[in-house]
Amino acid sequence: MGDPADECGRRPLAYYESVPYLLVLESVERGGEWLRRAEHPELPNCVAEAHSALEALDRLEQERLRVLRQLWDGGVQIPVPRPPLRDLGASGPRSTA
């Protein structure tokens, strides 16, 4: 049968929220101060910076959800580089186990 899709052929937003996007975490210098920069390069403008790596990752997660919602609401194609990590049952991908 396949996964349910909307009129644009997209899967439910929860599907995209489950995708394990590539994560890049690095230290960057900004005005003589070192910050941690976290990014999902596969998602447009999905970046966060903070003094600690954990804070940068927390901010990035919030930004990821915001970006996905913005793309979803705008009807924009959302990139899916890898299958989701969890099985969403009838509304998502089938288990490969």
PDB file of N, CA and C in Angstrom:
ATOM      1  N   MET A   1       0.805  -1.195   0.000  1.00  0.00           N
ATOM      2  CA  MET A   1       0.000   0.000   0.000  1.00  0.00           C
ATOM      3  C   MET A   1       0.853   1.265   0.000  1.00  0.00           C
ATOM      4  N   GLY A   2       1.845   1.330   0.894  1.00  0.00           N
ATOM      5  CA  GLY A   2       2.663   2.532   0.981  1.00  0.00           C
ATOM      6  C   GLY A   2       2.212   3.425   2.118  1.00  0.00           C
ATOM      7  N   ASP A   3       3.002   4.465   2.345  1.00  0.00           N
ATOM      8  CA  ASP A   3       2.708   5.396   3.423  1.00  0.00           C
ATOM      9  C   ASP A   3       1.656   6.400   2.967  1.00  0.00           C
ATOM     10  N   PRO A   4       0.775   6.829   3.896  1.00  0.00           N
ATOM     11  CA  PRO A   4      -0.201   7.842   3.524  1.00  0.00           C
ATOM     12  C   PRO A   4       0.507   9.147   3.183  1.00  0.00           C
ATOM     13  N   ALA A   5       0.011   9.831   2.192  1.00  0.00           N
ATOM     14  CA  ALA A   5       0.608  11.099   1.790  1.00  0.00           C
ATOM     15  C   ALA A   5      -0.500  12.123   1.592  1.00  0.00           C
ATOM     16  N   ASP A   6      -0.144  13.396   1.720  1.00  0.00           N
ATOM     17  CA  ASP A   6      -1.122  14.449   1.477  1.00  0.00           C
ATOM     18  C   ASP A   6      -1.246  14.699  -0.024  1.00  0.00           C
ATOM     19  N   GLU A   7      -1.981  15.721  -0.391  1.00  0.00           N
ATOM     20  CA  GLU A   7      -2.213  16.011  -1.802  1.00  0.00           C
ATOM     21  C   GLU A   7      -0.936  16.394  -2.544  1.00  0.00           C
ATOM     22  N   CYS A   8       0.114  16.807  -1.799  1.00  0.00           N
ATOM     23  CA  CYS A   8       1.401  17.151  -2.419  1.00  0.00           C
ATOM     24  C   CYS A   8       2.332  15.944  -2.503  1.00  0.00           C
ATOM     25  N   GLY A   9       1.859  14.775  -2.016  1.00  0.00           N
ATOM     26  CA  GLY A   9       2.688  13.584  -2.039  1.00  0.00           C
ATOM     27  C   GLY A   9       3.646  13.478  -0.866  1.00  0.00           C
ATOM     28  N   ARG A  10       3.442  14.336   0.145  1.00  0.00           N
ATOM     29  CA  ARG A  10       4.322  14.304   1.314  1.00  0.00           C
ATOM     30  C   ARG A  10       3.781  13.366   2.370  1.00  0.00           C
ATOM     31  N   ARG A  11       4.677  12.845   3.171  1.00  0.00           N
ATOM     32  CA  ARG A  11       4.304  12.013   4.309  1.00  0.00           C
ATOM     33  C   ARG A  11       3.940  12.916   5.481  1.00  0.00           C
ATOM     34  N   PRO A  12       3.399  12.346   6.560  1.00  0.00           N
ATOM     35  CA  PRO A  12       3.056  13.162   7.734  1.00  0.00           C
ATOM     36  C   PRO A  12       4.295  13.860   8.308  1.00  0.00           C
ATOM     37  N   LEU A  13       4.096  15.001   8.932  1.00  0.00           N
ATOM     38  CA  LEU A  13       5.195  15.762   9.515  1.00  0.00           C
ATOM     39  C   LEU A  13       5.999  14.913  10.494  1.00  0.00           C
ATOM     40  N   ALA A  14       5.343  14.057  11.253  1.00  0.00           N
ATOM     41  CA  ALA A  14       6.040  13.191  12.225  1.00  0.00           C
ATOM     42  C   ALA A  14       7.081  12.315  11.537  1.00  0.00           C
ATOM     43  N   TYR A  15       6.838  11.923  10.310  1.00  0.00           N
ATOM     44  CA  TYR A  15       7.815  11.131   9.563  1.00  0.00           C
ATOM     45  C   TYR A  15       9.117  11.914   9.413  1.00  0.00           C
ATOM     46  N   TYR A  16       9.009  13.161   8.964  1.00  0.00           N
ATOM     47  CA  TYR A  16      10.194  13.989   8.743  1.00  0.00           C
ATOM     48  C   TYR A  16      10.886  14.322  10.066  1.00  0.00           C
ATOM     49  N   GLU A  17      10.120  14.470  11.128  1.00  0.00           N
ATOM     50  CA  GLU A  17      10.698  14.738  12.443  1.00  0.00           C
ATOM     51  C   GLU A  17      11.496  13.539  12.948  1.00  0.00           C
ATOM     52  N   SER A  18      11.261  12.348  12.411  1.00  0.00           N
ATOM     53  CA  SER A  18      11.959  11.130  12.825  1.00  0.00           C
ATOM     54  C   SER A  18      13.212  10.844  12.010  1.00  0.00           C
ATOM     55  N   VAL A  19      13.442  11.581  10.958  1.00  0.00           N
ATOM     56  CA  VAL A  19      14.591  11.339  10.085  1.00  0.00           C
ATOM     57  C   VAL A  19      15.887  11.721  10.806  1.00  0.00           C
ATOM     58  N   PRO A  20      16.900  10.842  10.783  1.00  0.00           N
ATOM     59  CA  PRO A  20      18.190  11.139  11.424  1.00  0.00           C
ATOM     60  C   PRO A  20      19.081  11.988  10.509  1.00  0.00           C
ATOM     61  N   TYR A  21      18.852  13.294  10.513  1.00  0.00           N
ATOM     62  CA  TYR A  21      19.647  14.196   9.682  1.00  0.00           C
ATOM     63  C   TYR A  21      21.093  14.247  10.168  1.00  0.00           C
ATOM     64  N   LEU A  22      22.016  14.436   9.237  1.00  0.00           N
ATOM     65  CA  LEU A  22      23.421  14.580   9.551  1.00  0.00           C
ATOM     66  C   LEU A  22      23.595  15.718  10.548  1.00  0.00           C
ATOM     67  N   LEU A  23      24.425  15.495  11.570  1.00  0.00           N
ATOM     68  CA  LEU A  23      24.706  16.496  12.595  1.00  0.00           C
ATOM     69  C   LEU A  23      26.177  16.857  12.522  1.00  0.00           C
ATOM     70  N   VAL A  24      26.468  18.160  12.440  1.00  0.00           N
ATOM     71  CA  VAL A  24      27.840  18.659  12.458  1.00  0.00           C
ATOM     72  C   VAL A  24      27.972  19.551  13.687  1.00  0.00           C
ATOM     73  N   LEU A  25      28.965  19.261  14.520  1.00  0.00           N
ATOM     74  CA  LEU A  25      29.221  20.053  15.723  1.00  0.00           C
ATOM     75  C   LEU A  25      30.680  20.480  15.686  1.00  0.00           C
ATOM     76  N   GLU A  26      30.917  21.777  15.813  1.00  0.00           N
ATOM     77  CA  GLU A  26      32.280  22.285  15.747  1.00  0.00           C
ATOM     78  C   GLU A  26      32.437  23.490  16.659  1.00  0.00           C
ATOM     79  N   SER A  27      33.681  23.817  16.971  1.00  0.00           N
ATOM     80  CA  SER A  27      33.995  25.018  17.733  1.00  0.00           C
ATOM     81  C   SER A  27      34.345  26.119  16.747  1.00  0.00           C
ATOM     82  N   VAL A  28      33.798  27.311  16.976  1.00  0.00           N
ATOM     83  CA  VAL A  28      34.061  28.452  16.103  1.00  0.00           C
ATOM     84  C   VAL A  28      34.396  29.657  16.971  1.00  0.00           C
ATOM     85  N   GLU A  29      35.220  30.534  16.439  1.00  0.00           N
ATOM     86  CA  GLU A  29      35.585  31.747  17.159  1.00  0.00           C
ATOM     87  C   GLU A  29      34.748  32.906  16.637  1.00  0.00           C
ATOM     88  N   ARG A  30      34.145  33.620  17.548  1.00  0.00           N
ATOM     89  CA  ARG A  30      33.330  34.789  17.200  1.00  0.00           C
ATOM     90  C   ARG A  30      33.793  35.950  18.078  1.00  0.00           C
ATOM     91  N   GLY A  31      34.494  36.901  17.491  1.00  0.00           N
ATOM     92  CA  GLY A  31      34.936  38.076  18.234  1.00  0.00           C
ATOM     93  C   GLY A  31      35.819  37.754  19.427  1.00  0.00           C
ATOM     94  N   GLY A  32      36.735  36.821  19.257  1.00  0.00           N
ATOM     95  CA  GLY A  32      37.648  36.445  20.328  1.00  0.00           C
ATOM     96  C   GLY A  32      37.062  35.483  21.341  1.00  0.00           C
ATOM     97  N   GLU A  33      35.842  35.020  21.103  1.00  0.00           N
ATOM     98  CA  GLU A  33      35.174  34.092  22.018  1.00  0.00           C
ATOM     99  C   GLU A  33      34.885  32.786  21.276  1.00  0.00           C
ATOM    100  N   TRP A  34      35.097  31.662  21.956  1.00  0.00           N
ATOM    101  CA  TRP A  34      34.831  30.357  21.343  1.00  0.00           C
ATOM    102  C   TRP A  34      33.415  29.911  21.644  1.00  0.00           C
ATOM    103  N   LEU A  35      32.723  29.504  20.594  1.00  0.00           N
ATOM    104  CA  LEU A  35      31.358  28.988  20.713  1.00  0.00           C
ATOM    105  C   LEU A  35      31.291  27.611  20.072  1.00  0.00           C
ATOM    106  N   ARG A  36      30.258  26.876  20.416  1.00  0.00           N
ATOM    107  CA  ARG A  36      29.986  25.595  19.772  1.00  0.00           C
ATOM    108  C   ARG A  36      28.875  25.827  18.755  1.00  0.00           C
ATOM    109  N   ARG A  37      29.112  25.359  17.553  1.00  0.00           N
ATOM    110  CA  ARG A  37      28.157  25.536  16.444  1.00  0.00           C
ATOM    111  C   ARG A  37      27.646  24.158  16.055  1.00  0.00           C
ATOM    112  N   ALA A  38      26.341  23.982  16.107  1.00  0.00           N
ATOM    113  CA  ALA A  38      25.695  22.732  15.709  1.00  0.00           C
ATOM    114  C   ALA A  38      24.862  23.015  14.470  1.00  0.00           C
ATOM    115  N   GLU A  39      24.852  22.064  13.535  1.00  0.00           N
ATOM    116  CA  GLU A  39      24.161  22.289  12.262  1.00  0.00           C
ATOM    117  C   GLU A  39      23.653  20.979  11.685  1.00  0.00           C
ATOM    118  N   HIS A  40      22.498  21.076  11.036  1.00  0.00           N
ATOM    119  CA  HIS A  40      22.003  20.002  10.173  1.00  0.00           C
ATOM    120  C   HIS A  40      22.140  20.551   8.752  1.00  0.00           C
ATOM    121  N   PRO A  41      23.265  20.277   8.069  1.00  0.00           N
ATOM    122  CA  PRO A  41      23.503  20.880   6.761  1.00  0.00           C
ATOM    123  C   PRO A  41      22.506  20.468   5.684  1.00  0.00           C
ATOM    124  N   GLU A  42      21.781  19.385   5.894  1.00  0.00           N
ATOM    125  CA  GLU A  42      20.803  18.943   4.899  1.00  0.00           C
ATOM    126  C   GLU A  42      19.504  19.750   4.963  1.00  0.00           C
ATOM    127  N   LEU A  43      19.332  20.517   6.047  1.00  0.00           N
ATOM    128  CA  LEU A  43      18.145  21.356   6.197  1.00  0.00           C
ATOM    129  C   LEU A  43      18.553  22.818   6.046  1.00  0.00           C
ATOM    130  N   PRO A  44      17.791  23.605   5.308  1.00  0.00           N
ATOM    131  CA  PRO A  44      18.173  24.995   5.066  1.00  0.00           C
ATOM    132  C   PRO A  44      18.172  25.831   6.346  1.00  0.00           C
ATOM    133  N   ASN A  45      19.278  26.528   6.578  1.00  0.00           N
ATOM    134  CA  ASN A  45      19.410  27.451   7.707  1.00  0.00           C
ATOM    135  C   ASN A  45      19.136  26.809   9.065  1.00  0.00           C
ATOM    136  N   CYS A  46      19.495  25.567   9.219  1.00  0.00           N
ATOM    137  CA  CYS A  46      19.262  24.853  10.476  1.00  0.00           C
ATOM    138  C   CYS A  46      20.568  24.811  11.265  1.00  0.00           C
ATOM    139  N   VAL A  47      20.822  25.897  12.009  1.00  0.00           N
ATOM    140  CA  VAL A  47      22.083  26.108  12.707  1.00  0.00           C
ATOM    141  C   VAL A  47      21.791  26.713  14.077  1.00  0.00           C
ATOM    142  N   ALA A  48      22.632  26.374  15.062  1.00  0.00           N
ATOM    143  CA  ALA A  48      22.530  26.981  16.390  1.00  0.00           C
ATOM    144  C   ALA A  48      23.927  27.111  16.971  1.00  0.00           C
ATOM    145  N   GLU A  49      24.137  28.179  17.741  1.00  0.00           N
ATOM    146  CA  GLU A  49      25.411  28.391  18.422  1.00  0.00           C
ATOM    147  C   GLU A  49      25.155  28.676  19.892  1.00  0.00           C
ATOM    148  N   ALA A  50      26.108  28.229  20.737  1.00  0.00           N
ATOM    149  CA  ALA A  50      26.017  28.451  22.176  1.00  0.00           C
ATOM    150  C   ALA A  50      27.395  28.263  22.786  1.00  0.00           C
ATOM    151  N   HIS A  51      27.524  28.592  24.068  1.00  0.00           N
ATOM    152  CA  HIS A  51      28.810  28.432  24.752  1.00  0.00           C
ATOM    153  C   HIS A  51      29.155  26.970  24.994  1.00  0.00           C
ATOM    154  N   SER A  52      28.163  26.134  25.229  1.00  0.00           N
ATOM    155  CA  SER A  52      28.436  24.710  25.456  1.00  0.00           C
ATOM    156  C   SER A  52      27.850  23.875  24.321  1.00  0.00           C
ATOM    157  N   ALA A  53      28.446  22.697  24.128  1.00  0.00           N
ATOM    158  CA  ALA A  53      27.959  21.790  23.095  1.00  0.00           C
ATOM    159  C   ALA A  53      26.532  21.344  23.393  1.00  0.00           C
ATOM    160  N   LEU A  54      26.234  21.052  24.656  1.00  0.00           N
ATOM    161  CA  LEU A  54      24.879  20.602  25.005  1.00  0.00           C
ATOM    162  C   LEU A  54      23.840  21.683  24.737  1.00  0.00           C
ATOM    163  N   GLU A  55      24.177  22.907  25.060  1.00  0.00           N
ATOM    164  CA  GLU A  55      23.241  24.007  24.797  1.00  0.00           C
ATOM    165  C   GLU A  55      23.052  24.202  23.292  1.00  0.00           C
ATOM    166  N   ALA A  56      24.131  24.088  22.531  1.00  0.00           N
ATOM    167  CA  ALA A  56      24.025  24.212  21.070  1.00  0.00           C
ATOM    168  C   ALA A  56      23.147  23.100  20.501  1.00  0.00           C
ATOM    169  N   LEU A  57      23.298  21.877  21.016  1.00  0.00           N
ATOM    170  CA  LEU A  57      22.479  20.759  20.537  1.00  0.00           C
ATOM    171  C   LEU A  57      21.009  20.947  20.913  1.00  0.00           C
ATOM    172  N   ASP A  58      20.746  21.439  22.110  1.00  0.00           N
ATOM    173  CA  ASP A  58      19.354  21.718  22.516  1.00  0.00           C
ATOM    174  C   ASP A  58      18.727  22.766  21.606  1.00  0.00           C
ATOM    175  N   ARG A  59      19.467  23.825  21.354  1.00  0.00           N
ATOM    176  CA  ARG A  59      18.962  24.884  20.469  1.00  0.00           C
ATOM    177  C   ARG A  59      18.756  24.365  19.046  1.00  0.00           C
ATOM    178  N   LEU A  60      19.678  23.511  18.604  1.00  0.00           N
ATOM    179  CA  LEU A  60      19.568  22.955  17.249  1.00  0.00           C
ATOM    180  C   LEU A  60      18.316  22.097  17.119  1.00  0.00           C
ATOM    181  N   GLU A  61      17.993  21.323  18.146  1.00  0.00           N
ATOM    182  CA  GLU A  61      16.793  20.489  18.078  1.00  0.00           C
ATOM    183  C   GLU A  61      15.544  21.356  17.920  1.00  0.00           C
ATOM    184  N   GLN A  62      15.470  22.439  18.660  1.00  0.00           N
ATOM    185  CA  GLN A  62      14.337  23.350  18.527  1.00  0.00           C
ATOM    186  C   GLN A  62      14.302  23.974  17.133  1.00  0.00           C
ATOM    187  N   GLU A  63      15.479  24.329  16.616  1.00  0.00           N
ATOM    188  CA  GLU A  63      15.560  24.908  15.276  1.00  0.00           C
ATOM    189  C   GLU A  63      15.172  23.890  14.207  1.00  0.00           C
ATOM    190  N   ARG A  64      15.583  22.641  14.384  1.00  0.00           N
ATOM    191  CA  ARG A  64      15.225  21.577  13.432  1.00  0.00           C
ATOM    192  C   ARG A  64      13.714  21.428  13.338  1.00  0.00           C
ATOM    193  N   LEU A  65      13.052  21.384  14.490  1.00  0.00           N
ATOM    194  CA  LEU A  65      11.591  21.257  14.492  1.00  0.00           C
ATOM    195  C   LEU A  65      10.927  22.483  13.865  1.00  0.00           C
ATOM    196  N   ARG A  66      11.485  23.677  14.123  1.00  0.00           N
ATOM    197  CA  ARG A  66      10.937  24.902  13.542  1.00  0.00           C
ATOM    198  C   ARG A  66      11.093  24.891  12.022  1.00  0.00           C
ATOM    199  N   VAL A  67      12.286  24.513  11.547  1.00  0.00           N
ATOM    200  CA  VAL A  67      12.546  24.482  10.102  1.00  0.00           C
ATOM    201  C   VAL A  67      11.642  23.460   9.413  1.00  0.00           C
ATOM    202  N   LEU A  68      11.529  22.273  10.000  1.00  0.00           N
ATOM    203  CA  LEU A  68      10.666  21.256   9.397  1.00  0.00           C
ATOM    204  C   LEU A  68       9.223  21.730   9.325  1.00  0.00           C
ATOM    205  N   ARG A  69       8.726  22.347  10.385  1.00  0.00           N
ATOM    206  CA  ARG A  69       7.346  22.870  10.397  1.00  0.00           C
ATOM    207  C   ARG A  69       7.185  23.958   9.337  1.00  0.00           C
ATOM    208  N   GLN A  70       8.186  24.837   9.229  1.00  0.00           N
ATOM    209  CA  GLN A  70       8.118  25.918   8.241  1.00  0.00           C
ATOM    210  C   GLN A  70       8.079  25.349   6.820  1.00  0.00           C
ATOM    211  N   LEU A  71       8.938  24.367   6.541  1.00  0.00           N
ATOM    212  CA  LEU A  71       8.933  23.748   5.217  1.00  0.00           C
ATOM    213  C   LEU A  71       7.606  23.049   4.956  1.00  0.00           C
ATOM    214  N   TRP A  72       7.119  22.319   5.954  1.00  0.00           N
ATOM    215  CA  TRP A  72       5.856  21.585   5.842  1.00  0.00           C
ATOM    216  C   TRP A  72       4.705  22.547   5.550  1.00  0.00           C
ATOM    217  N   ASP A  73       4.598  23.598   6.367  1.00  0.00           N
ATOM    218  CA  ASP A  73       3.511  24.578   6.197  1.00  0.00           C
ATOM    219  C   ASP A  73       3.592  25.291   4.857  1.00  0.00           C
ATOM    220  N   GLY A  74       4.824  25.478   4.348  1.00  0.00           N
ATOM    221  CA  GLY A  74       5.003  26.164   3.076  1.00  0.00           C
ATOM    222  C   GLY A  74       4.844  25.255   1.863  1.00  0.00           C
ATOM    223  N   GLY A  75       4.620  23.955   2.106  1.00  0.00           N
ATOM    224  CA  GLY A  75       4.453  23.017   1.001  1.00  0.00           C
ATOM    225  C   GLY A  75       5.746  22.730   0.258  1.00  0.00           C
ATOM    226  N   VAL A  76       6.870  23.007   0.901  1.00  0.00           N
ATOM    227  CA  VAL A  76       8.178  22.808   0.290  1.00  0.00           C
ATOM    228  C   VAL A  76       8.605  21.351   0.460  1.00  0.00           C
ATOM    229  N   GLN A  77       9.293  20.809  -0.545  1.00  0.00           N
ATOM    230  CA  GLN A  77       9.818  19.449  -0.462  1.00  0.00           C
ATOM    231  C   GLN A  77      10.829  19.373   0.678  1.00  0.00           C
ATOM    232  N   ILE A  78      10.656  18.435   1.586  1.00  0.00           N
ATOM    233  CA  ILE A  78      11.559  18.265   2.728  1.00  0.00           C
ATOM    234  C   ILE A  78      12.567  17.176   2.388  1.00  0.00           C
ATOM    235  N   PRO A  79      13.865  17.469   2.538  1.00  0.00           N
ATOM    236  CA  PRO A  79      14.873  16.458   2.220  1.00  0.00           C
ATOM    237  C   PRO A  79      14.810  15.268   3.173  1.00  0.00           C
ATOM    238  N   VAL A  80      14.994  14.070   2.623  1.00  0.00           N
ATOM    239  CA  VAL A  80      15.015  12.840   3.426  1.00  0.00           C
ATOM    240  C   VAL A  80      16.243  12.037   2.995  1.00  0.00           C
ATOM    241  N   PRO A  81      17.393  12.299   3.636  1.00  0.00           N
ATOM    242  CA  PRO A  81      18.622  11.620   3.243  1.00  0.00           C
ATOM    243  C   PRO A  81      18.713  10.176   3.710  1.00  0.00           C
ATOM    244  N   ARG A  82      18.014   9.824   4.802  1.00  0.00           N
ATOM    245  CA  ARG A  82      18.042   8.480   5.378  1.00  0.00           C
ATOM    246  C   ARG A  82      16.651   8.154   5.904  1.00  0.00           C
ATOM    247  N   PRO A  83      16.321   6.889   6.041  1.00  0.00           N
ATOM    248  CA  PRO A  83      15.018   6.532   6.613  1.00  0.00           C
ATOM    249  C   PRO A  83      14.957   6.886   8.103  1.00  0.00           C
ATOM    250  N   PRO A  84      13.762   7.089   8.647  1.00  0.00           N
ATOM    251  CA  PRO A  84      13.610   7.404  10.072  1.00  0.00           C
ATOM    252  C   PRO A  84      14.186   6.319  10.966  1.00  0.00           C
ATOM    253  N   LEU A  85      14.535   6.709  12.196  1.00  0.00           N
ATOM    254  CA  LEU A  85      15.105   5.772  13.161  1.00  0.00           C
ATOM    255  C   LEU A  85      14.057   4.880  13.792  1.00  0.00           C
ATOM    256  N   ARG A  86      12.822   5.376  13.918  1.00  0.00           N
ATOM    257  CA  ARG A  86      11.789   4.582  14.585  1.00  0.00           C
ATOM    258  C   ARG A  86      10.648   4.286  13.630  1.00  0.00           C
ATOM    259  N   ASP A  87       9.970   3.186  13.890  1.00  0.00           N
ATOM    260  CA  ASP A  87       8.811   2.780  13.103  1.00  0.00           C
ATOM    261  C   ASP A  87       7.605   3.561  13.598  1.00  0.00           C
ATOM    262  N   LEU A  88       6.908   4.231  12.706  1.00  0.00           N
ATOM    263  CA  LEU A  88       5.741   5.019  13.081  1.00  0.00           C
ATOM    264  C   LEU A  88       4.443   4.250  12.891  1.00  0.00           C
ATOM    265  N   GLY A  89       4.538   2.943  12.746  1.00  0.00           N
ATOM    266  CA  GLY A  89       3.334   2.132  12.590  1.00  0.00           C
ATOM    267  C   GLY A  89       2.689   2.348  11.243  1.00  0.00           C
ATOM    268  N   ALA A  90       1.365   2.342  11.234  1.00  0.00           N
ATOM    269  CA  ALA A  90       0.616   2.457   9.977  1.00  0.00           C
ATOM    270  C   ALA A  90       0.828   3.789   9.281  1.00  0.00           C
ATOM    271  N   SER A  91       1.173   4.858  10.036  1.00  0.00           N
ATOM    272  CA  SER A  91       1.311   6.163   9.433  1.00  0.00           C
ATOM    273  C   SER A  91       2.737   6.459   8.991  1.00  0.00           C
ATOM    274  N   GLY A  92       3.652   5.496   9.168  1.00  0.00           N
ATOM    275  CA  GLY A  92       5.036   5.775   8.808  1.00  0.00           C
ATOM    276  C   GLY A  92       5.691   4.598   8.131  1.00  0.00           C
ATOM    277  N   PRO A  93       7.020   4.616   8.107  1.00  0.00           N
ATOM    278  CA  PRO A  93       7.757   3.559   7.416  1.00  0.00           C
ATOM    279  C   PRO A  93       7.609   2.212   8.094  1.00  0.00           C
ATOM    280  N   ARG A  94       7.736   1.173   7.298  1.00  0.00           N
ATOM    281  CA  ARG A  94       7.659  -0.188   7.831  1.00  0.00           C
ATOM    282  C   ARG A  94       8.984  -0.570   8.455  1.00  0.00           C
ATOM    283  N   SER A  95       8.933  -1.406   9.446  1.00  0.00           N
ATOM    284  CA  SER A  95      10.136  -1.910  10.102  1.00  0.00           C
ATOM    285  C   SER A  95      10.895  -2.795   9.126  1.00  0.00           C
ATOM    286  N   THR A  96      12.236  -2.678   9.156  1.00  0.00           N
ATOM    287  CA  THR A  96      13.071  -3.498   8.272  1.00  0.00           C
ATOM    288  C   THR A  96      13.571  -4.743   8.987  1.00  0.00           C
ATOM    289  N   ALA A  97      13.175  -4.907  10.242  1.00  0.00           N
ATOM    290  CA  ALA A  97      13.640  -6.072  11.015  1.00  0.00           C
ATOM    291  C   ALA A  97      12.879  -7.318  10.662  1.00  0.00           C
TER     292      ALA A  97
END
